[in-house]
Amino acid sequence: MTTAHNEENLISGLYVVATPIGNLGDITQRALSVLRSVDLIAAEDTRHTRQLLQHFSINTPLMALHDHNEMQQKDKIIEKIKAGQKIALVSDAGTPLISDPGFTLVRALQEQHLPVMTIPGPSALTAALSIAGMPCAQFVFEGFLPAKKGAREARLTQLKSEARTQVFYASVHRVADDVNALAAIYGETRVMVLLRELTKRHETVISGTVADVQHYLANDEHALKGEFVLVVSGDNSVQDEVAVQTRRLLNIVLPLMPLKQAVAIVSEILDVAKNPVYTMALTINGSNEPQ
């Protein structure tokens, strides 16, 4: 449902508001305007959000909405919105619903055709990708890996052959276990980047291999502090296999049809983007000019 609105005259509905992941200067003017203007703020941790509001002299009332009470709270929020109230949803940091509560509420509102508006802003996911130096035209976001060793290893085994860049969140209590599991299943030479305390004073980026990250976590006295994002390269062997299949099919179909038609067919069969297939087709034809 698309709804035009004005921040100074908000309509009733839910406003999903992104808040800083560390540096308070990253909050947007629009987010501040909405947080001041709504009737109520649903927060993952009211104590944490109260500190944010106090910093910006915002006195909007708070209610708790977290993993353990979302099913109960969503009905109350829906009734308030039906009664004409304007409610903001915030998580402890970053964009709500991204490995944070809120999905059940937003889905229920969408199903009832009640307004849900986004107030975009900081996200650890996009912040990490923007400086990791990894391919990010396509990527896989996994959030937090399972806490139990068996489940964590099973999930990584499923992801080992994924060709796209992979992004994980990690808590201070589990980051070493997560990286050790990556070493055991992906191998110590897989390229990865660890990003710690993004946007904060002690922001740290460790780029290298899984083994390099293991060494950092084991030997730096400041390593096991803060919040972490792990960005891991895709499985290049899968990418190489796709390239081999692409070239083989192009060699078959290019003599039979125009280049653009051949590219479209190969892209459809292999479920890959057209641009790299097009580039390979030009190379096979020995020309840099479109046909």
Protein backbone atom coordinates (compact mmCIF):
# COMPACT_ATOMS: atom_id res chain seq x y z
CA MET A 1 0.00 0.00 0.00
CA THR A 2 1.55 3.31 -1.06
CA THR A 3 0.63 6.36 0.98
CA ALA A 4 1.73 9.95 0.50
CA HIS A 5 2.33 11.80 3.74
CA ASN A 6 4.01 14.80 5.29
CA GLU A 7 6.24 14.51 8.34
CA GLU A 8 4.69 17.58 9.97
CA ASN A 9 1.23 16.11 9.53
CA LEU A 10 1.65 12.36 9.89
CA ILE A 11 -1.19 10.00 9.04
CA SER A 12 -2.16 7.16 11.35
CA GLY A 13 -0.09 4.03 10.77
CA LEU A 14 3.22 2.41 11.59
CA TYR A 15 6.50 4.20 10.89
CA VAL A 16 9.47 1.81 10.70
CA VAL A 17 12.33 4.07 11.80
CA ALA A 18 16.04 3.31 11.37
CA THR A 19 18.24 4.55 14.22
CA PRO A 20 22.05 4.82 14.53
CA ILE A 21 24.15 1.66 14.75
CA GLY A 22 26.68 3.52 16.89
CA ASN A 23 27.37 7.13 16.01
CA LEU A 24 24.35 9.22 17.03
CA GLY A 25 25.21 11.73 14.32
CA ASP A 26 23.95 9.25 11.75
CA ILE A 27 20.29 9.68 12.67
CA THR A 28 18.31 11.44 9.94
CA GLN A 29 16.33 14.65 10.36
CA ARG A 30 13.28 12.79 9.13
CA ALA A 31 13.70 10.10 11.80
CA LEU A 32 13.91 12.76 14.51
CA SER A 33 10.83 14.51 13.15
CA VAL A 34 8.82 11.27 13.13
CA LEU A 35 9.96 10.19 16.61
CA ARG A 36 8.84 13.57 17.96
CA SER A 37 5.52 13.53 16.11
CA VAL A 38 4.15 10.02 16.69
CA ASP A 39 1.86 9.15 19.60
CA LEU A 40 3.91 6.14 20.70
CA ILE A 41 7.23 4.42 20.02
CA ALA A 42 7.41 0.61 20.07
CA ALA A 43 10.99 -0.23 21.03
CA GLU A 44 12.97 -3.46 21.24
CA ASP A 45 14.50 -2.28 24.54
CA THR A 46 12.81 0.74 26.10
CA ARG A 47 15.82 1.48 28.31
CA HIS A 48 18.14 1.66 25.32
CA THR A 49 15.73 3.75 23.24
CA ARG A 50 15.04 6.09 26.16
CA GLN A 51 18.72 7.04 26.17
CA LEU A 52 18.52 7.87 22.46
CA LEU A 53 15.39 9.97 22.96
CA GLN A 54 16.86 11.83 25.91
CA HIS A 55 19.93 12.71 23.84
CA PHE A 56 17.68 14.44 21.32
CA SER A 57 15.21 15.83 23.93
CA ILE A 58 12.32 13.71 22.66
CA ASN A 59 9.56 12.87 25.15
CA THR A 60 7.34 10.52 23.14
CA PRO A 61 5.93 7.63 25.25
CA LEU A 62 7.46 4.17 24.85
CA MET A 63 6.18 0.60 24.84
CA ALA A 64 8.21 -2.60 24.59
CA LEU A 65 8.04 -4.80 21.49
CA HIS A 66 10.60 -7.60 21.37
CA ASP A 67 10.95 -11.25 20.38
CA HIS A 68 9.17 -12.50 23.50
CA ASN A 69 6.07 -10.29 23.41
CA GLU A 70 5.54 -9.36 19.74
CA MET A 71 2.58 -11.70 19.25
CA GLN A 72 0.74 -10.05 22.17
CA GLN A 73 1.79 -6.47 21.46
CA LYS A 74 0.94 -6.51 17.76
CA ASP A 75 -2.80 -6.69 18.46
CA LYS A 76 -2.60 -3.70 20.80
CA ILE A 77 -0.68 -1.71 18.21
CA ILE A 78 -3.11 -2.61 15.46
CA GLU A 79 -6.03 -1.41 17.57
CA LYS A 80 -4.26 1.86 18.34
CA ILE A 81 -3.60 2.46 14.63
CA LYS A 82 -7.22 1.67 13.78
CA ALA A 83 -8.17 4.27 16.39
CA GLY A 84 -6.11 6.86 14.53
CA GLN A 85 -2.79 6.75 16.36
CA LYS A 86 0.64 7.16 14.77
CA ILE A 87 3.22 4.68 16.04
CA ALA A 88 6.95 4.35 15.38
CA LEU A 89 8.83 1.05 15.47
CA VAL A 90 12.52 1.08 16.39
CA SER A 91 15.09 -1.57 17.23
CA ASP A 92 18.13 -1.15 19.46
CA ALA A 93 20.23 -0.10 16.47
CA GLY A 94 19.91 0.14 12.71
CA THR A 95 16.91 -0.79 10.61
CA PRO A 96 14.09 -2.72 12.32
CA LEU A 97 13.27 -6.27 11.11
CA ILE A 98 16.85 -6.83 9.85
CA SER A 99 17.70 -9.56 12.40
CA ASP A 100 15.46 -7.64 14.80
CA PRO A 101 11.79 -7.85 15.90
CA GLY A 102 8.92 -6.41 13.88
CA PHE A 103 8.16 -8.86 11.08
CA THR A 104 5.03 -10.29 12.70
CA LEU A 105 3.64 -6.81 13.31
CA VAL A 106 4.41 -5.47 9.84
CA ARG A 107 2.94 -8.53 8.13
CA ALA A 108 -0.24 -8.27 10.20
CA LEU A 109 -0.63 -4.60 9.28
CA GLN A 110 -0.07 -5.32 5.59
CA GLU A 111 -2.63 -8.11 5.67
CA GLN A 112 -5.18 -5.68 7.09
CA HIS A 113 -4.21 -2.98 4.56
CA LEU A 114 -3.14 -0.57 7.30
CA PRO A 115 -0.42 1.98 6.44
CA VAL A 116 3.21 1.03 7.02
CA MET A 117 5.84 3.65 6.13
CA THR A 118 9.62 3.36 6.04
CA ILE A 119 11.92 5.99 7.52
CA PRO A 120 15.21 4.66 6.13
CA GLY A 121 18.64 5.15 7.60
CA PRO A 122 21.56 3.23 9.09
CA SER A 123 21.97 -0.52 8.65
CA ALA A 124 25.02 -2.54 9.71
CA LEU A 125 24.45 -4.80 6.69
CA THR A 126 24.83 -2.12 4.02
CA ALA A 127 27.45 -0.22 6.03
CA ALA A 128 29.64 -3.34 6.15
CA LEU A 129 29.21 -4.17 2.47
CA SER A 130 30.08 -0.61 1.46
CA ILE A 131 33.62 -0.88 2.86
CA ALA A 132 34.36 -4.62 2.80
CA GLY A 133 35.74 -4.60 -0.74
CA MET A 134 33.71 -7.68 -1.69
CA PRO A 135 31.43 -8.10 -4.72
CA CYS A 136 28.02 -6.89 -3.58
CA ALA A 137 25.88 -6.59 -6.71
CA GLN A 138 24.47 -9.87 -5.38
CA PHE A 139 24.93 -11.19 -1.87
CA VAL A 140 23.40 -13.50 0.74
CA PHE A 141 22.48 -12.14 4.18
CA GLU A 142 22.28 -14.83 6.85
CA GLY A 143 21.93 -12.73 10.01
CA PHE A 144 23.15 -14.56 13.12
CA LEU A 145 24.30 -18.16 12.76
CA PRO A 146 22.68 -20.73 15.09
CA ALA A 147 24.07 -20.73 18.63
CA LYS A 148 24.42 -24.50 18.91
CA LYS A 149 27.52 -26.02 17.34
CA GLY A 150 25.73 -28.74 15.37
CA ALA A 151 23.14 -26.40 13.89
CA ARG A 152 25.80 -23.79 13.08
CA GLU A 153 27.98 -26.32 11.26
CA ALA A 154 24.99 -27.73 9.39
CA ARG A 155 24.01 -24.26 8.16
CA LEU A 156 27.55 -23.44 7.02
CA THR A 157 27.79 -26.77 5.23
CA GLN A 158 24.67 -25.76 3.25
CA LEU A 159 26.23 -22.39 2.41
CA LYS A 160 29.76 -23.57 1.62
CA SER A 161 29.18 -23.77 -2.14
CA GLU A 162 27.22 -20.49 -2.37
CA ALA A 163 28.85 -18.38 -5.10
CA ARG A 164 27.61 -15.02 -3.86
CA THR A 165 29.21 -12.91 -1.11
CA GLN A 166 27.84 -13.93 2.29
CA VAL A 167 27.15 -11.62 5.24
CA PHE A 168 26.71 -12.70 8.86
CA TYR A 169 26.07 -10.83 12.09
CA ALA A 170 27.98 -12.05 15.15
CA SER A 171 27.76 -11.21 18.83
CA VAL A 172 30.81 -10.75 21.02
CA HIS A 173 30.03 -14.04 22.77
CA ARG A 174 29.93 -16.14 19.59
CA VAL A 175 32.13 -14.45 17.00
CA ALA A 176 35.15 -16.65 17.73
CA ASP A 177 33.04 -19.82 17.49
CA ASP A 178 31.52 -18.58 14.22
CA VAL A 179 34.91 -17.87 12.66
CA ASN A 180 36.33 -21.18 13.85
CA ALA A 181 33.37 -22.95 12.25
CA LEU A 182 34.00 -21.06 9.01
CA ALA A 183 37.62 -22.20 9.10
CA ALA A 184 36.63 -25.82 9.63
CA ILE A 185 33.99 -25.90 6.88
CA TYR A 186 35.01 -23.25 4.32
CA GLY A 187 38.75 -23.64 4.85
CA GLU A 188 41.27 -21.23 6.33
CA THR A 189 42.11 -19.67 2.96
CA ARG A 190 38.61 -18.40 2.12
CA VAL A 191 38.69 -14.61 1.81
CA MET A 192 36.75 -12.73 4.47
CA VAL A 193 36.44 -9.39 6.23
CA LEU A 194 35.60 -8.84 9.90
CA LEU A 195 34.07 -5.46 10.75
CA ARG A 196 33.80 -4.48 14.42
CA GLU A 197 32.05 -1.53 16.09
CA LEU A 198 30.97 0.10 12.83
CA THR A 199 30.60 3.92 13.04
CA LYS A 200 31.94 3.94 16.61
CA ARG A 201 35.23 5.26 17.98
CA HIS A 202 36.96 1.88 17.81
CA GLU A 203 35.70 0.85 14.37
CA THR A 204 37.94 -1.94 13.09
CA VAL A 205 38.17 -3.67 9.69
CA ILE A 206 40.25 -6.85 9.39
CA SER A 207 40.57 -7.99 5.78
CA GLY A 208 42.31 -11.15 4.61
CA THR A 209 41.54 -14.83 4.99
CA VAL A 210 39.58 -16.78 7.56
CA ALA A 211 42.92 -17.67 9.16
CA ASP A 212 43.87 -13.98 9.40
CA VAL A 213 40.62 -13.23 11.20
CA GLN A 214 41.16 -16.18 13.54
CA HIS A 215 44.60 -14.82 14.40
CA TYR A 216 43.19 -11.36 15.10
CA LEU A 217 40.48 -12.68 17.42
CA ALA A 218 42.95 -14.88 19.27
CA ASN A 219 45.72 -12.32 19.72
CA ASP A 220 44.30 -8.78 19.92
CA GLU A 221 43.25 -7.87 23.46
CA HIS A 222 40.56 -5.52 22.15
CA ALA A 223 39.17 -7.93 19.55
CA LEU A 224 36.39 -9.52 21.60
CA LYS A 225 34.48 -6.34 22.31
CA GLY A 226 31.49 -4.82 20.54
CA GLU A 227 29.30 -5.99 17.67
CA PHE A 228 30.55 -7.73 14.54
CA VAL A 229 29.71 -8.20 10.87
CA LEU A 230 31.44 -10.98 8.94
CA VAL A 231 31.64 -10.68 5.14
CA VAL A 232 32.80 -13.86 3.41
CA SER A 233 33.63 -14.37 -0.26
CA GLY A 234 31.57 -16.73 -2.35
CA ASP A 235 32.82 -20.12 -3.50
CA ASN A 236 34.94 -19.34 -6.57
CA SER A 237 34.85 -22.96 -7.70
CA VAL A 238 31.09 -22.57 -8.22
CA GLN A 239 31.64 -19.36 -10.15
CA ASP A 240 34.25 -21.12 -12.32
CA GLU A 241 31.85 -23.98 -13.03
CA VAL A 242 29.13 -21.53 -14.09
CA ALA A 243 31.60 -19.85 -16.41
CA VAL A 244 32.50 -23.20 -17.98
CA GLN A 245 28.82 -24.05 -18.52
CA THR A 246 28.15 -20.58 -19.95
CA ARG A 247 30.98 -20.84 -22.47
CA ARG A 248 29.94 -24.39 -23.49
CA LEU A 249 26.33 -23.36 -24.17
CA LEU A 250 27.33 -20.20 -26.00
CA ASN A 251 29.62 -22.20 -28.28
CA ILE A 252 26.62 -24.36 -29.17
CA VAL A 253 24.00 -21.66 -29.73
CA LEU A 254 25.98 -18.72 -31.18
CA PRO A 255 26.39 -20.31 -34.63
CA LEU A 256 22.63 -20.93 -34.76
CA MET A 257 21.15 -17.52 -33.90
CA PRO A 258 21.80 -13.80 -33.36
CA LEU A 259 24.04 -12.92 -30.42
CA LYS A 260 21.38 -11.21 -28.32
CA GLN A 261 19.00 -14.11 -28.68
CA ALA A 262 21.76 -16.56 -27.74
CA VAL A 263 22.60 -14.51 -24.64
CA ALA A 264 18.95 -14.40 -23.57
CA ILE A 265 18.58 -18.18 -23.93
CA VAL A 266 21.80 -19.04 -22.08
CA SER A 267 20.99 -16.57 -19.28
CA GLU A 268 17.55 -18.14 -18.89
CA ILE A 269 18.84 -21.73 -18.88
CA LEU A 270 21.60 -21.07 -16.31
CA ASP A 271 19.65 -18.44 -14.33
CA VAL A 272 22.52 -15.95 -14.49
CA ALA A 273 22.71 -12.23 -15.25
CA LYS A 274 22.80 -11.27 -18.94
CA ASN A 275 25.69 -8.78 -18.81
CA PRO A 276 28.54 -11.27 -18.12
CA VAL A 277 27.02 -13.71 -20.62
CA TYR A 278 26.91 -10.93 -23.21
CA THR A 279 30.56 -10.05 -22.55
CA MET A 280 31.60 -13.68 -22.93
CA ALA A 281 29.58 -13.98 -26.14
CA LEU A 282 31.39 -10.97 -27.62
CA THR A 283 34.72 -12.55 -26.72
CA ILE A 284 33.78 -15.86 -28.34
CA ASN A 285 32.71 -14.04 -31.49
CA GLY A 286 36.02 -12.19 -31.53
CA SER A 287 34.32 -8.79 -31.51
CA ASN A 288 33.79 -5.95 -29.10
CA GLU A 289 30.90 -4.59 -31.07
CA PRO A 290 27.26 -5.50 -30.36
CA GLN A 291 25.58 -7.64 -33.00
